[in-house]
Amino acid sequence: MLLETRFKKRKGYDLVVKRQFALEESCSGKDLDQTLPLNACLRRGMKINMSMIFVNVQILKGFCPRCKIETDAPEETTVQW
């Protein structure tokens, strides 16, 4: 519910509602357990990273799977959007 509220009227809201995202602790890189309530996984001041999960999308090399913006990054390069 916390994430749905934060993403309301923003890009990615539909993916949040469908729970198509992954959360990881920034220090350790460990995924947060999404079977637990979010407040059970977070501590005050904790920084987390969020990645969207795209299901059944056509992969376009050099393009973001969500917004279709082109990138000039070389192949085999990880690009954060």
N, C-alpha and C. Protein backbone atom coordinates (compact mmCIF):
# COMPACT_ATOMS: atom_id res chain seq x y z
N MET A 1 0.82 -1.19 0.00
CA MET A 1 0.00 0.00 0.00
C MET A 1 0.87 1.26 0.00
N LEU A 2 1.99 1.22 0.73
CA LEU A 2 2.90 2.36 0.80
C LEU A 2 3.42 2.72 -0.60
N LEU A 3 3.86 1.72 -1.34
CA LEU A 3 4.39 1.98 -2.68
C LEU A 3 3.30 2.42 -3.65
N GLU A 4 2.13 1.83 -3.54
CA GLU A 4 1.02 2.24 -4.41
C GLU A 4 0.70 3.72 -4.18
N THR A 5 0.72 4.15 -2.95
CA THR A 5 0.45 5.55 -2.63
C THR A 5 1.53 6.45 -3.22
N ARG A 6 2.81 6.04 -3.09
CA ARG A 6 3.93 6.85 -3.60
C ARG A 6 3.93 6.95 -5.13
N PHE A 7 3.46 5.90 -5.81
CA PHE A 7 3.50 5.87 -7.27
C PHE A 7 2.20 6.34 -7.93
N LYS A 8 1.18 6.62 -7.15
CA LYS A 8 -0.10 7.06 -7.72
C LYS A 8 0.14 8.26 -8.63
N LYS A 9 -0.43 8.20 -9.83
CA LYS A 9 -0.31 9.25 -10.86
C LYS A 9 1.12 9.43 -11.35
N ARG A 10 1.94 8.40 -11.27
CA ARG A 10 3.32 8.45 -11.78
C ARG A 10 3.56 7.28 -12.71
N LYS A 11 4.60 7.41 -13.53
CA LYS A 11 4.97 6.30 -14.40
C LYS A 11 5.35 5.10 -13.54
N GLY A 12 4.93 3.93 -13.95
CA GLY A 12 5.25 2.72 -13.22
C GLY A 12 4.18 2.29 -12.25
N TYR A 13 3.15 3.10 -12.07
CA TYR A 13 2.10 2.77 -11.12
C TYR A 13 1.46 1.42 -11.43
N ASP A 14 1.21 1.16 -12.72
CA ASP A 14 0.58 -0.10 -13.11
C ASP A 14 1.45 -1.30 -12.73
N LEU A 15 2.77 -1.16 -12.82
CA LEU A 15 3.66 -2.25 -12.43
C LEU A 15 3.67 -2.45 -10.91
N VAL A 16 3.55 -1.36 -10.16
CA VAL A 16 3.50 -1.46 -8.70
C VAL A 16 2.23 -2.19 -8.28
N VAL A 17 1.10 -1.84 -8.89
CA VAL A 17 -0.17 -2.48 -8.55
C VAL A 17 -0.11 -3.98 -8.84
N LYS A 18 0.57 -4.35 -9.94
CA LYS A 18 0.70 -5.77 -10.32
C LYS A 18 1.82 -6.46 -9.55
N ARG A 19 2.52 -5.70 -8.70
CA ARG A 19 3.65 -6.20 -7.89
C ARG A 19 4.78 -6.73 -8.78
N GLN A 20 5.03 -6.05 -9.89
CA GLN A 20 6.09 -6.42 -10.81
C GLN A 20 7.34 -5.57 -10.52
N PHE A 21 7.89 -5.77 -9.32
CA PHE A 21 9.07 -5.04 -8.92
C PHE A 21 9.87 -5.88 -7.94
N ALA A 22 11.12 -5.52 -7.79
CA ALA A 22 11.99 -6.16 -6.81
C ALA A 22 12.60 -5.07 -5.95
N LEU A 23 12.73 -5.34 -4.67
CA LEU A 23 13.34 -4.41 -3.73
C LEU A 23 14.57 -5.06 -3.15
N GLU A 24 15.66 -4.28 -3.06
CA GLU A 24 16.88 -4.82 -2.45
C GLU A 24 17.49 -3.80 -1.52
N GLU A 25 18.13 -4.31 -0.49
CA GLU A 25 18.85 -3.45 0.44
C GLU A 25 20.10 -2.95 -0.27
N SER A 26 20.33 -1.64 -0.26
CA SER A 26 21.44 -1.08 -1.04
C SER A 26 22.82 -1.50 -0.51
N CYS A 27 22.96 -1.67 0.79
CA CYS A 27 24.28 -2.03 1.35
C CYS A 27 24.68 -3.46 1.04
N SER A 28 23.77 -4.39 1.27
CA SER A 28 24.10 -5.81 1.09
C SER A 28 23.72 -6.35 -0.28
N GLY A 29 22.78 -5.68 -0.96
CA GLY A 29 22.31 -6.18 -2.25
C GLY A 29 21.33 -7.33 -2.12
N LYS A 30 20.93 -7.65 -0.89
CA LYS A 30 19.98 -8.74 -0.68
C LYS A 30 18.57 -8.29 -0.99
N ASP A 31 17.80 -9.18 -1.64
CA ASP A 31 16.40 -8.88 -1.93
C ASP A 31 15.59 -8.87 -0.64
N LEU A 32 14.63 -7.95 -0.56
CA LEU A 32 13.71 -7.93 0.57
C LEU A 32 12.63 -8.97 0.33
N ASP A 33 12.22 -9.64 1.37
CA ASP A 33 11.20 -10.68 1.29
C ASP A 33 9.83 -10.02 1.10
N GLN A 34 9.26 -10.17 -0.09
CA GLN A 34 7.98 -9.51 -0.38
C GLN A 34 6.78 -10.26 0.17
N THR A 35 7.02 -11.40 0.81
CA THR A 35 5.91 -12.09 1.45
C THR A 35 5.62 -11.48 2.82
N LEU A 36 6.56 -10.70 3.34
CA LEU A 36 6.39 -10.02 4.62
C LEU A 36 5.87 -8.61 4.39
N PRO A 37 5.18 -8.03 5.36
CA PRO A 37 4.78 -6.62 5.23
C PRO A 37 6.03 -5.75 5.09
N LEU A 38 5.95 -4.70 4.28
CA LEU A 38 7.10 -3.84 4.02
C LEU A 38 7.67 -3.26 5.29
N ASN A 39 6.82 -2.89 6.24
CA ASN A 39 7.33 -2.30 7.49
C ASN A 39 8.11 -3.30 8.34
N ALA A 40 7.96 -4.61 8.07
CA ALA A 40 8.73 -5.62 8.80
C ALA A 40 10.14 -5.76 8.22
N CYS A 41 10.36 -5.26 7.00
CA CYS A 41 11.65 -5.39 6.33
C CYS A 41 12.50 -4.13 6.41
N LEU A 42 11.89 -3.01 6.73
CA LEU A 42 12.60 -1.73 6.71
C LEU A 42 13.00 -1.26 8.09
N ARG A 43 14.14 -0.57 8.11
CA ARG A 43 14.61 0.07 9.34
C ARG A 43 14.73 1.57 9.07
N ARG A 44 14.67 2.37 10.09
CA ARG A 44 14.80 3.82 9.95
C ARG A 44 16.15 4.15 9.28
N GLY A 45 16.11 4.98 8.25
CA GLY A 45 17.33 5.40 7.56
C GLY A 45 17.85 4.40 6.53
N MET A 46 17.19 3.28 6.39
CA MET A 46 17.62 2.25 5.46
C MET A 46 17.38 2.70 4.01
N LYS A 47 18.34 2.46 3.15
CA LYS A 47 18.19 2.80 1.75
C LYS A 47 17.91 1.52 0.97
N ILE A 48 16.87 1.56 0.13
CA ILE A 48 16.55 0.40 -0.69
C ILE A 48 16.54 0.79 -2.16
N ASN A 49 16.82 -0.16 -3.00
CA ASN A 49 16.77 0.02 -4.45
C ASN A 49 15.55 -0.72 -4.97
N MET A 50 14.93 -0.16 -5.99
CA MET A 50 13.75 -0.77 -6.57
C MET A 50 13.99 -0.96 -8.06
N SER A 51 13.70 -2.15 -8.55
CA SER A 51 13.79 -2.46 -9.97
C SER A 51 12.44 -2.95 -10.44
N MET A 52 12.05 -2.51 -11.62
CA MET A 52 10.79 -2.97 -12.19
C MET A 52 11.06 -4.26 -12.96
N ILE A 53 10.08 -5.14 -12.96
CA ILE A 53 10.19 -6.43 -13.66
C ILE A 53 9.24 -6.39 -14.84
N PHE A 54 9.79 -6.53 -16.03
CA PHE A 54 8.99 -6.50 -17.24
C PHE A 54 8.70 -7.93 -17.67
N VAL A 55 7.43 -8.27 -17.78
CA VAL A 55 7.01 -9.62 -18.12
C VAL A 55 6.49 -9.64 -19.56
N ASN A 56 6.95 -10.65 -20.32
CA ASN A 56 6.48 -10.84 -21.69
C ASN A 56 6.61 -9.59 -22.56
N VAL A 57 7.76 -8.97 -22.51
CA VAL A 57 7.98 -7.82 -23.38
C VAL A 57 8.92 -8.23 -24.49
N GLN A 58 8.75 -7.61 -25.63
CA GLN A 58 9.66 -7.84 -26.73
C GLN A 58 10.94 -7.07 -26.43
N ILE A 59 12.06 -7.75 -26.46
CA ILE A 59 13.32 -7.10 -26.14
C ILE A 59 13.82 -6.35 -27.37
N LEU A 60 14.02 -5.07 -27.21
CA LEU A 60 14.56 -4.22 -28.26
C LEU A 60 15.95 -3.80 -27.82
N LYS A 61 16.98 -4.27 -28.51
CA LYS A 61 18.33 -3.91 -28.12
C LYS A 61 18.53 -2.41 -28.25
N GLY A 62 19.07 -1.82 -27.21
CA GLY A 62 19.35 -0.40 -27.22
C GLY A 62 18.17 0.48 -26.84
N PHE A 63 17.08 -0.14 -26.34
CA PHE A 63 15.90 0.62 -25.95
C PHE A 63 15.45 0.21 -24.55
N CYS A 64 14.87 1.15 -23.82
CA CYS A 64 14.25 0.84 -22.54
C CYS A 64 12.97 0.05 -22.81
N PRO A 65 12.76 -1.07 -22.11
CA PRO A 65 11.54 -1.86 -22.36
C PRO A 65 10.26 -1.16 -21.93
N ARG A 66 10.36 -0.16 -21.08
CA ARG A 66 9.17 0.54 -20.60
C ARG A 66 8.82 1.75 -21.47
N CYS A 67 9.76 2.67 -21.62
CA CYS A 67 9.46 3.92 -22.30
C CYS A 67 9.95 3.97 -23.74
N LYS A 68 10.71 2.96 -24.16
CA LYS A 68 11.21 2.83 -25.53
C LYS A 68 12.23 3.91 -25.92
N ILE A 69 12.83 4.58 -24.92
CA ILE A 69 13.87 5.57 -25.22
C ILE A 69 15.12 4.83 -25.67
N GLU A 70 15.74 5.34 -26.72
CA GLU A 70 16.93 4.71 -27.28
C GLU A 70 18.16 5.11 -26.47
N THR A 71 19.11 4.19 -26.38
CA THR A 71 20.38 4.48 -25.72
C THR A 71 21.51 4.20 -26.69
N ASP A 72 22.60 4.91 -26.51
CA ASP A 72 23.76 4.67 -27.36
C ASP A 72 24.84 3.88 -26.61
N ALA A 73 24.43 3.21 -25.52
CA ALA A 73 25.38 2.40 -24.73
C ALA A 73 25.82 1.19 -25.54
N PRO A 74 27.08 0.78 -25.40
CA PRO A 74 27.56 -0.40 -26.13
C PRO A 74 26.82 -1.66 -25.67
N GLU A 75 26.79 -2.67 -26.55
CA GLU A 75 26.14 -3.93 -26.18
C GLU A 75 26.82 -4.54 -24.97
N GLU A 76 26.07 -5.40 -24.26
CA GLU A 76 26.56 -6.07 -23.05
C GLU A 76 26.83 -5.08 -21.91
N THR A 77 26.21 -3.90 -21.96
CA THR A 77 26.34 -2.91 -20.90
C THR A 77 25.01 -2.84 -20.14
N THR A 78 25.10 -2.86 -18.83
CA THR A 78 23.89 -2.72 -18.01
C THR A 78 23.55 -1.24 -17.92
N VAL A 79 22.32 -0.91 -18.27
CA VAL A 79 21.86 0.48 -18.25
C VAL A 79 20.76 0.61 -17.22
N GLN A 80 20.87 1.59 -16.32
CA GLN A 80 19.82 1.86 -15.35
C GLN A 80 18.94 2.95 -15.89
N TRP A 81 17.62 2.76 -15.85
CA TRP A 81 16.66 3.74 -16.37
C TRP A 81 15.97 4.40 -15.23
